Amino acid sequence: MLPFIIVSHEVAWSIDDVRDGLTHRYYGLYSNLAKYALKHGGTVFWYGARKRRLLILGFSALTSSRTYSMFIAVVKALRNSLTYGRPVVVLLDYPHSFLGAKHLIDYLLTLLTLHVFRLVRHVFVVVDDMDPPIEHAIELRGRVSPWQKLLWILLNNIVFNFDLIVFHSQSYRVYHKLYYRLDYNRSIVIPPGSFPKIIRFEEPSSDLPIRILCSGNITEWISLEKLMKVAKELRNKGIIVEFVLIDRSVPTNLEEKGVKIIKAYLRYEDFVKTLAKAHILLLVRPNSLHHLLTVRASLADYLMAGRPILYLRALGIREITGRIDGAFEFGTLDEVPNIISQFMSNRDLLKKLSWRIRIFAERYLSYKALALKLLRKILVNIRQNFLHGT
């Protein structure tokens, strides 16, 4: 097996390290790639940019080196990984491995060093394009300043010339083909995945009320008044619901009928338990280019829990959920009561939908299988382009 070097915002080697979308991806995709490499005799170095630490991975433990700049860490890892005839696979989390303008020189030196080594066929660089930086910045702040745009254009022009670019959705893959002229032969779609061994399937409870789980910045994305309107309309249809909101930004003094607020930080284990208690999962994000094309990390967990999904119209999500019953797309919250009433009149149907969704998630959204898919793509590309000299 080829040696691996991973460069990401931080390291997530165990399930206890999962705290957000980034660490969810790191533990799911990156650590499984590392374990495949270690299992077959490869070596793995993992650099966490936030703590500036280079870790040497063993199959059941991490050995920590002292603090290094990214450039020094990558050079050190390359020196210990390079052997004649065996290219090193470098997995780069972009853009979260870049910590800002004060680290620009260090980051540029790292990227240019990787380019030099790939030109002489010693390194194969895989870029996990987790949040396209310009598009993500526009979604967060509504605009990008001229100097920020120039900075990201500079980094994009370097990063997008590496060997293989990983996208979370086919929509974003097509977007980058049209906008950045990225060749399909140098890209692959690896969507957010989940963990069937950690998220055990439980049939939805027969108890009332119907619990609808929402997580994220709910008060920012949709007003609580709109949720109350949905709850009231469902009550008028004879369906009693309780919205369970995981949102630490909700005012502490909020008391609304039909709403339960979880303001405390939930460990991933507690989040999974909360999923199991829900009947329906509501997925909302702002209406923007970025979230139209991408996929939230929590989607795969929602599906793995085996619960019907209601999601705000998004191409990236539709690509994953469009093949299964139990996923319902809506354009505005006004459509939600009718969607829920269509399948909630039959509780047996809810259980059948839940089981079908779980089977689908196990088949297509297991991170272990997705990591193996990416590993096979890497090995095929290396065999074709590096070892055969084409």
Protein backbone atom coordinates (compact mmCIF):
# COMPACT_ATOMS: atom_id res chain seq x y z
CA MET A 1 0.00 0.00 0.00
CA LEU A 2 1.14 3.55 -0.77
CA PRO A 3 2.12 5.93 2.05
CA PHE A 4 -0.39 8.67 2.94
CA ILE A 5 -0.02 12.24 4.19
CA ILE A 6 -3.21 13.98 5.36
CA VAL A 7 -3.40 17.77 5.79
CA SER A 8 -6.59 19.09 7.38
CA HIS A 9 -7.89 21.68 9.82
CA GLU A 10 -7.60 19.19 12.68
CA VAL A 11 -7.36 15.48 13.38
CA ALA A 12 -10.38 13.24 14.07
CA TRP A 13 -9.24 9.69 14.77
CA SER A 14 -12.07 8.51 17.06
CA ILE A 15 -15.81 9.07 17.25
CA ASP A 16 -15.23 11.25 20.31
CA ASP A 17 -13.46 13.75 18.02
CA VAL A 18 -16.65 14.37 15.99
CA ARG A 19 -18.09 17.78 16.88
CA ASP A 20 -19.14 19.40 13.61
CA GLY A 21 -19.31 18.90 9.85
CA LEU A 22 -15.55 19.09 9.42
CA THR A 23 -14.63 16.51 12.05
CA HIS A 24 -17.54 14.34 10.85
CA ARG A 25 -15.86 14.20 7.43
CA TYR A 26 -12.38 13.72 8.87
CA TYR A 27 -13.41 10.80 11.07
CA GLY A 28 -15.61 9.29 8.37
CA LEU A 29 -13.52 9.63 5.22
CA TYR A 30 -9.98 10.51 6.25
CA SER A 31 -9.53 8.08 9.13
CA ASN A 32 -11.01 5.22 7.09
CA LEU A 33 -8.57 5.95 4.26
CA ALA A 34 -5.77 5.92 6.82
CA LYS A 35 -6.95 2.62 8.28
CA TYR A 36 -7.09 0.99 4.85
CA ALA A 37 -3.52 2.14 4.21
CA LEU A 38 -2.27 0.94 7.60
CA LYS A 39 -4.04 -2.40 7.25
CA HIS A 40 -2.12 -3.10 4.04
CA GLY A 41 1.29 -2.05 5.30
CA GLY A 42 1.28 1.64 4.37
CA THR A 43 2.48 4.53 6.49
CA VAL A 44 0.31 7.51 7.43
CA PHE A 45 1.17 11.03 8.64
CA TRP A 46 -1.64 13.41 9.62
CA TYR A 47 -1.07 17.14 10.06
CA GLY A 48 -3.67 19.17 11.97
CA ALA A 49 -3.28 22.82 10.96
CA ARG A 50 -5.21 24.27 13.91
CA LYS A 51 -2.83 22.82 16.52
CA ARG A 52 0.14 22.68 14.09
CA ARG A 53 0.91 19.09 15.07
CA LEU A 54 2.15 16.27 12.87
CA LEU A 55 0.88 12.87 13.95
CA ILE A 56 2.28 9.48 13.01
CA LEU A 57 -0.59 7.01 12.81
CA GLY A 58 -0.64 3.45 14.00
CA PHE A 59 -3.67 1.20 13.59
CA SER A 60 -4.88 1.66 17.14
CA ALA A 61 -3.03 4.76 18.34
CA LEU A 62 -1.61 8.15 17.43
CA THR A 63 1.96 9.20 18.08
CA SER A 64 2.29 12.97 18.34
CA SER A 65 5.32 14.86 17.13
CA ARG A 66 6.13 18.38 18.27
CA THR A 67 4.64 21.54 16.74
CA TYR A 68 5.63 22.35 13.15
CA SER A 69 4.68 24.87 10.50
CA MET A 70 2.73 23.23 7.67
CA PHE A 71 5.65 23.46 5.27
CA ILE A 72 8.13 21.87 7.68
CA ALA A 73 5.60 19.19 8.66
CA VAL A 74 4.92 18.21 5.04
CA VAL A 75 8.63 18.15 4.19
CA LYS A 76 9.29 15.97 7.24
CA ALA A 77 6.45 13.61 6.30
CA LEU A 78 7.64 13.42 2.68
CA ARG A 79 11.21 12.67 3.77
CA ASN A 80 9.96 9.76 5.86
CA SER A 81 7.49 8.48 3.25
CA LEU A 82 9.28 8.67 -0.09
CA THR A 83 10.72 5.43 -1.41
CA TYR A 84 11.83 4.63 -4.95
CA GLY A 85 8.93 3.77 -7.25
CA ARG A 86 6.15 4.41 -4.72
CA PRO A 87 4.41 7.80 -4.96
CA VAL A 88 3.04 9.32 -1.77
CA VAL A 89 -0.68 10.12 -1.65
CA VAL A 90 -1.37 13.54 -0.10
CA LEU A 91 -4.95 14.29 0.95
CA LEU A 92 -5.54 18.04 1.34
CA ASP A 93 -8.63 19.48 3.02
CA TYR A 94 -9.38 22.70 1.14
CA PRO A 95 -9.95 25.44 2.15
CA HIS A 96 -10.05 24.65 5.90
CA SER A 97 -6.36 23.73 6.01
CA PHE A 98 -5.64 27.39 5.23
CA LEU A 99 -5.83 29.45 8.43
CA GLY A 100 -5.69 32.97 6.99
CA ALA A 101 -3.46 35.60 5.44
CA LYS A 102 -0.77 35.47 8.14
CA HIS A 103 -0.15 31.83 7.14
CA LEU A 104 -0.16 32.56 3.40
CA ILE A 105 3.59 32.17 2.81
CA ASP A 106 3.68 28.89 4.72
CA TYR A 107 0.66 27.62 2.79
CA LEU A 108 2.03 28.70 -0.60
CA LEU A 109 5.38 27.03 0.14
CA THR A 110 3.52 23.83 1.02
CA LEU A 111 1.40 23.87 -2.13
CA LEU A 112 4.33 24.67 -4.40
CA THR A 113 6.44 21.94 -2.81
CA LEU A 114 3.68 19.43 -3.47
CA HIS A 115 3.51 20.62 -7.09
CA VAL A 116 7.24 20.12 -7.57
CA PHE A 117 7.06 16.59 -6.18
CA ARG A 118 4.04 15.69 -8.28
CA LEU A 119 5.78 16.94 -11.44
CA VAL A 120 8.57 14.43 -10.83
CA ARG A 121 5.95 11.75 -10.07
CA HIS A 122 6.75 11.33 -6.40
CA VAL A 123 3.44 12.68 -5.05
CA PHE A 124 -0.22 12.25 -5.99
CA VAL A 125 -2.32 15.06 -4.48
CA VAL A 126 -6.02 14.63 -3.70
CA VAL A 127 -8.00 17.77 -2.80
CA ASP A 128 -11.18 17.40 -0.77
CA ASP A 129 -13.01 20.57 -1.84
CA MET A 130 -15.23 20.71 1.23
CA ASP A 131 -16.43 24.32 0.97
CA PRO A 132 -15.55 26.13 -2.28
CA PRO A 133 -14.07 29.26 -0.69
CA ILE A 134 -15.46 32.09 -2.83
CA GLU A 135 -18.96 30.64 -3.00
CA HIS A 136 -18.95 29.79 0.72
CA ALA A 137 -17.77 33.29 1.68
CA ILE A 138 -20.57 34.85 -0.36
CA GLU A 139 -23.11 32.63 1.40
CA LEU A 140 -21.78 33.55 4.85
CA ARG A 141 -21.30 37.30 4.37
CA GLY A 142 -23.19 38.14 1.21
CA ARG A 143 -20.04 39.37 -0.56
CA VAL A 144 -16.31 38.86 -0.94
CA SER A 145 -13.92 41.80 -0.69
CA PRO A 146 -11.62 42.38 -3.69
CA TRP A 147 -8.47 41.30 -1.80
CA GLN A 148 -10.19 38.14 -0.51
CA LYS A 149 -11.31 37.28 -4.01
CA LEU A 150 -7.78 37.76 -5.35
CA LEU A 151 -6.41 35.57 -2.56
CA TRP A 152 -8.85 32.75 -3.25
CA ILE A 153 -8.33 33.02 -7.01
CA LEU A 154 -4.58 32.62 -6.41
CA LEU A 155 -5.06 29.56 -4.19
CA ASN A 156 -7.74 28.06 -6.46
CA ASN A 157 -5.43 28.30 -9.47
CA ILE A 158 -2.83 26.29 -7.58
CA VAL A 159 -5.07 23.80 -5.80
CA PHE A 160 -7.32 22.99 -8.75
CA ASN A 161 -4.29 21.89 -10.77
CA PHE A 162 -3.59 18.97 -8.44
CA ASP A 163 -4.27 15.38 -9.48
CA LEU A 164 -7.76 14.59 -8.15
CA ILE A 165 -10.48 16.92 -6.84
CA VAL A 166 -13.20 15.50 -4.58
CA PHE A 167 -16.64 17.13 -4.57
CA HIS A 168 -19.56 16.55 -2.20
CA SER A 169 -22.14 16.61 -4.99
CA GLN A 170 -22.38 16.13 -8.73
CA SER A 171 -23.93 19.60 -8.92
CA TYR A 172 -20.77 21.18 -7.58
CA ARG A 173 -18.68 18.98 -9.86
CA VAL A 174 -20.62 20.30 -12.88
CA TYR A 175 -20.37 23.87 -11.55
CA HIS A 176 -16.58 23.62 -11.32
CA LYS A 177 -16.43 22.14 -14.81
CA LEU A 178 -18.34 25.13 -16.20
CA TYR A 179 -16.91 27.90 -14.02
CA TYR A 180 -13.37 26.72 -13.28
CA ARG A 181 -12.95 24.42 -16.33
CA LEU A 182 -12.01 21.41 -14.20
CA ASP A 183 -11.70 18.21 -16.21
CA TYR A 184 -14.14 15.47 -15.18
CA ASN A 185 -11.28 12.96 -15.49
CA ARG A 186 -9.61 14.67 -12.51
CA SER A 187 -12.62 14.75 -10.20
CA ILE A 188 -14.90 12.42 -8.25
CA VAL A 189 -18.01 12.80 -6.09
CA ILE A 190 -17.79 11.51 -2.52
CA PRO A 191 -20.89 12.75 -0.67
CA PRO A 192 -21.17 13.09 3.10
CA GLY A 193 -21.49 9.67 4.69
CA SER A 194 -22.42 8.15 8.02
CA PHE A 195 -21.74 5.30 10.42
CA PRO A 196 -24.15 2.33 10.47
CA LYS A 197 -22.37 0.72 13.45
CA ILE A 198 -22.76 3.88 15.53
CA ILE A 199 -26.26 4.93 14.43
CA ARG A 200 -28.34 1.86 15.24
CA PHE A 201 -31.75 1.61 13.59
CA GLU A 202 -34.78 1.95 15.86
CA GLU A 203 -38.36 1.91 14.66
CA PRO A 204 -40.11 5.26 15.12
CA SER A 205 -42.06 5.43 18.35
CA SER A 206 -45.86 5.17 18.31
CA ASP A 207 -46.09 7.79 21.05
CA LEU A 208 -47.46 11.27 20.41
CA PRO A 209 -46.69 14.02 19.67
CA ILE A 210 -44.93 13.61 16.33
CA ARG A 211 -41.40 14.90 16.93
CA ILE A 212 -39.85 16.88 14.07
CA LEU A 213 -36.12 17.45 14.56
CA CYS A 214 -34.31 20.50 13.15
CA SER A 215 -30.65 21.32 13.77
CA GLY A 216 -28.56 24.34 12.87
CA ASN A 217 -29.11 28.10 13.01
CA ILE A 218 -32.88 27.74 12.85
CA THR A 219 -33.67 31.24 14.13
CA GLU A 220 -31.39 32.70 11.46
CA TRP A 221 -32.50 30.52 8.56
CA ILE A 222 -36.25 30.44 9.26
CA SER A 223 -38.20 32.34 11.87
CA LEU A 224 -39.76 30.53 14.82
CA GLU A 225 -43.03 32.21 13.92
CA LYS A 226 -43.07 30.24 10.66
CA LEU A 227 -42.53 26.99 12.54
CA MET A 228 -45.40 27.87 14.87
CA LYS A 229 -47.60 28.49 11.86
CA VAL A 230 -46.73 25.01 10.54
CA ALA A 231 -47.48 23.41 13.94
CA LYS A 232 -50.83 25.21 14.16
CA GLU A 233 -51.86 24.14 10.67
CA LEU A 234 -50.98 20.53 11.46
CA ARG A 235 -53.00 20.67 14.69
CA ASN A 236 -55.95 21.88 12.63
CA LYS A 237 -55.51 18.72 10.54
CA GLY A 238 -55.53 16.60 13.69
CA ILE A 239 -51.76 16.00 13.75
CA ILE A 240 -50.06 17.02 17.00
CA VAL A 241 -46.38 17.81 16.49
CA GLU A 242 -43.44 19.00 18.56
CA PHE A 243 -40.52 20.74 16.88
CA VAL A 244 -37.24 19.80 18.53
CA LEU A 245 -34.68 22.51 17.73
CA ILE A 246 -30.95 21.99 18.28
CA ASP A 247 -29.91 25.63 18.16
CA ARG A 248 -27.81 27.40 20.77
CA SER A 249 -28.74 30.83 19.37
CA VAL A 250 -32.40 30.62 20.45
CA PRO A 251 -33.25 33.10 23.25
CA THR A 252 -33.08 31.43 26.65
CA ASN A 253 -36.48 32.75 27.74
CA LEU A 254 -38.34 31.34 24.76
CA GLU A 255 -41.42 29.34 25.71
CA GLU A 256 -43.61 28.25 22.84
CA LYS A 257 -46.21 25.50 22.69
CA GLY A 258 -45.10 22.70 20.42
CA VAL A 259 -41.41 23.65 20.54
CA LYS A 260 -38.59 22.04 22.50
CA ILE A 261 -35.26 23.86 22.48
CA ILE A 262 -31.91 22.11 22.97
CA LYS A 263 -29.42 24.89 23.61
CA ALA A 264 -26.66 22.80 25.18
CA TYR A 265 -23.77 21.46 23.16
CA LEU A 266 -24.56 17.84 22.22
CA ARG A 267 -21.82 15.27 21.98
CA TYR A 268 -22.14 13.17 18.86
CA GLU A 269 -23.35 10.23 20.95
CA ASP A 270 -26.16 12.38 22.37
CA PHE A 271 -27.01 13.72 18.91
CA VAL A 272 -27.47 10.15 17.68
CA LYS A 273 -29.82 9.39 20.59
CA THR A 274 -31.82 12.50 19.75
CA LEU A 275 -32.15 11.33 16.15
CA ALA A 276 -33.60 8.01 17.31
CA LYS A 277 -36.35 9.78 19.28
CA ALA A 278 -37.53 11.79 16.28
CA HIS A 279 -40.24 10.78 13.80
CA ILE A 280 -39.39 13.24 11.01
CA LEU A 281 -36.25 15.22 10.19
CA LEU A 282 -36.45 18.73 8.76
CA LEU A 283 -33.43 19.99 6.85
CA VAL A 284 -33.23 23.71 6.07
CA ARG A 285 -30.43 25.99 4.93
CA PRO A 286 -30.31 29.48 3.41
CA ASN A 287 -31.33 29.81 -0.21
CA SER A 288 -27.97 30.44 -1.87
CA LEU A 289 -25.81 29.02 -4.63
CA HIS A 290 -23.55 27.31 -2.11
CA HIS A 291 -26.31 25.44 -0.32
CA LEU A 292 -28.22 24.75 -3.50
CA LEU A 293 -25.28 22.72 -4.77
CA THR A 294 -23.74 21.25 -1.64
CA VAL A 295 -24.93 18.76 0.99
CA ARG A 296 -25.04 19.15 4.77
CA ALA A 297 -23.02 16.60 6.73
CA SER A 298 -26.06 15.83 8.89
CA LEU A 299 -28.08 14.58 5.90
CA ALA A 300 -26.37 11.19 5.88
CA ASP A 301 -26.89 10.80 9.65
CA TYR A 302 -30.57 11.67 9.22
CA LEU A 303 -30.92 9.01 6.54
CA MET A 304 -28.89 6.47 8.50
CA ALA A 305 -31.28 6.96 11.43
CA GLY A 306 -34.03 5.80 9.09
CA ARG A 307 -36.44 8.71 9.25
CA PRO A 308 -38.36 10.57 6.53
CA ILE A 309 -36.55 13.73 5.45
CA LEU A 310 -38.14 17.03 4.53
CA TYR A 311 -35.59 19.31 2.88
CA LEU A 312 -35.52 22.79 1.43
CA ARG A 313 -35.07 22.51 -2.34
CA ALA A 314 -31.40 21.84 -3.16
CA LEU A 315 -29.81 20.08 -6.13
CA GLY A 316 -27.06 18.51 -4.04
CA ILE A 317 -29.52 16.90 -1.63
CA ARG A 318 -31.86 15.81 -4.43
CA GLU A 319 -29.00 13.87 -6.04
CA ILE A 320 -28.77 11.69 -2.93
CA THR A 321 -32.40 11.45 -1.82
CA GLY A 322 -34.09 11.43 -5.24
CA ARG A 323 -33.83 7.65 -5.51
CA ILE A 324 -35.72 6.79 -2.31
CA ASP A 325 -39.20 7.04 -0.88
CA GLY A 326 -39.42 9.07 2.27
CA ALA A 327 -37.50 12.16 1.09
CA PHE A 328 -39.71 15.18 0.40
CA GLU A 329 -38.54 18.40 -1.21
CA PHE A 330 -40.25 21.71 -0.49
CA GLY A 331 -39.78 25.27 -1.72
CA THR A 332 -41.28 27.10 1.28
CA LEU A 333 -42.40 26.05 4.76
CA ASP A 334 -46.01 26.61 3.68
CA GLU A 335 -45.77 23.30 1.79
CA VAL A 336 -44.65 21.30 4.85
CA PRO A 337 -48.06 20.67 6.52
CA ASN A 338 -49.49 19.05 3.39
CA ILE A 339 -46.41 16.86 2.93
CA ILE A 340 -46.53 15.64 6.54
CA SER A 341 -50.26 15.00 6.49
CA GLN A 342 -49.90 12.86 3.35
CA PHE A 343 -47.93 10.12 5.08
CA MET A 344 -48.68 10.66 8.77
CA SER A 345 -52.27 9.40 8.44
CA ASN A 346 -50.79 5.89 8.25
CA ARG A 347 -48.27 5.10 11.02
CA ASP A 348 -47.47 1.72 9.44
CA LEU A 349 -46.36 3.60 6.33
CA LEU A 350 -43.99 5.68 8.48
CA LYS A 351 -42.33 2.49 9.75
CA LYS A 352 -42.03 1.08 6.22
CA LEU A 353 -40.50 4.30 4.92
CA SER A 354 -38.07 4.36 7.84
CA TRP A 355 -36.80 0.87 7.10
CA ARG A 356 -36.40 1.59 3.37
CA ILE A 357 -34.44 4.75 4.13
CA ARG A 358 -32.13 2.86 6.49
CA ILE A 359 -31.44 0.16 3.89
CA PHE A 360 -30.62 2.86 1.33
CA ALA A 361 -28.27 4.66 3.72
CA GLU A 362 -26.41 1.47 4.63
CA ARG A 363 -25.93 0.68 0.95
CA TYR A 364 -24.86 4.09 -0.35
CA LEU A 365 -23.81 6.32 2.56
CA SER A 366 -21.50 4.23 4.73
CA TYR A 367 -18.28 6.23 5.08
CA LYS A 368 -16.27 3.01 5.14
CA ALA A 369 -17.56 2.14 1.66
CA LEU A 370 -17.12 5.71 0.41
CA ALA A 371 -13.50 5.72 1.60
CA LEU A 372 -12.89 2.49 -0.28
CA LYS A 373 -14.45 4.03 -3.42
CA LEU A 374 -12.08 7.00 -3.17
CA LEU A 375 -9.08 4.75 -2.50
CA ARG A 376 -9.84 2.69 -5.61
CA LYS A 377 -10.10 5.87 -7.71
CA ILE A 378 -6.75 7.06 -6.35
CA LEU A 379 -5.04 3.76 -7.13
CA VAL A 380 -6.50 3.59 -10.65
CA ASN A 381 -5.37 7.15 -11.43
CA ILE A 382 -1.89 6.51 -10.07
CA ARG A 383 -1.60 3.33 -12.10
CA GLN A 384 -2.72 5.09 -15.27
CA ASN A 385 -0.92 8.43 -14.95
CA PHE A 386 2.11 7.79 -12.74
CA LEU A 387 3.29 4.23 -13.07
CA HIS A 388 2.59 4.02 -16.81
CA GLY A 389 4.07 7.45 -17.46
CA THR A 390 1.05 8.77 -19.40
